[in-house]
Protein backbone atom coordinates (compact mmCIF):
# COMPACT_ATOMS: atom_id res chain seq x y z
CA UNK A 1 0.00 0.00 0.00
CA UNK A 2 0.93 3.66 0.04
CA UNK A 3 2.24 3.43 3.60
CA UNK A 4 4.71 0.72 2.60
CA UNK A 5 6.01 2.86 -0.26
CA UNK A 6 6.41 5.86 2.04
CA UNK A 7 8.24 3.78 4.63
CA UNK A 8 10.62 2.40 1.97
CA UNK A 9 11.23 5.90 0.59
CA UNK A 10 11.89 7.24 4.11
CA UNK A 11 14.34 4.41 4.81
CA UNK A 12 16.20 5.12 1.56
CA UNK A 13 16.42 8.81 2.46
CA UNK A 14 17.65 7.91 5.94
CA UNK A 15 20.34 5.65 4.48
CA UNK A 16 21.46 8.45 2.13
CA UNK A 17 21.69 10.92 5.03
CA UNK A 18 23.78 8.47 7.07
CA UNK A 19 26.10 7.84 4.11
CA UNK A 20 26.48 11.59 3.62
CA UNK A 21 27.39 12.02 7.27
CA UNK A 22 30.08 9.35 6.94
CA UNK A 23 31.55 11.10 3.89
CA UNK A 24 31.53 14.49 5.63
CA UNK A 25 33.16 13.06 8.75
């Protein structure tokens, strides 16, 4: 459903933010 898609999208965004933090560190 839509909720599943939103949760997957949010998780992908979270992973990207974490990866960005590692690169900036």
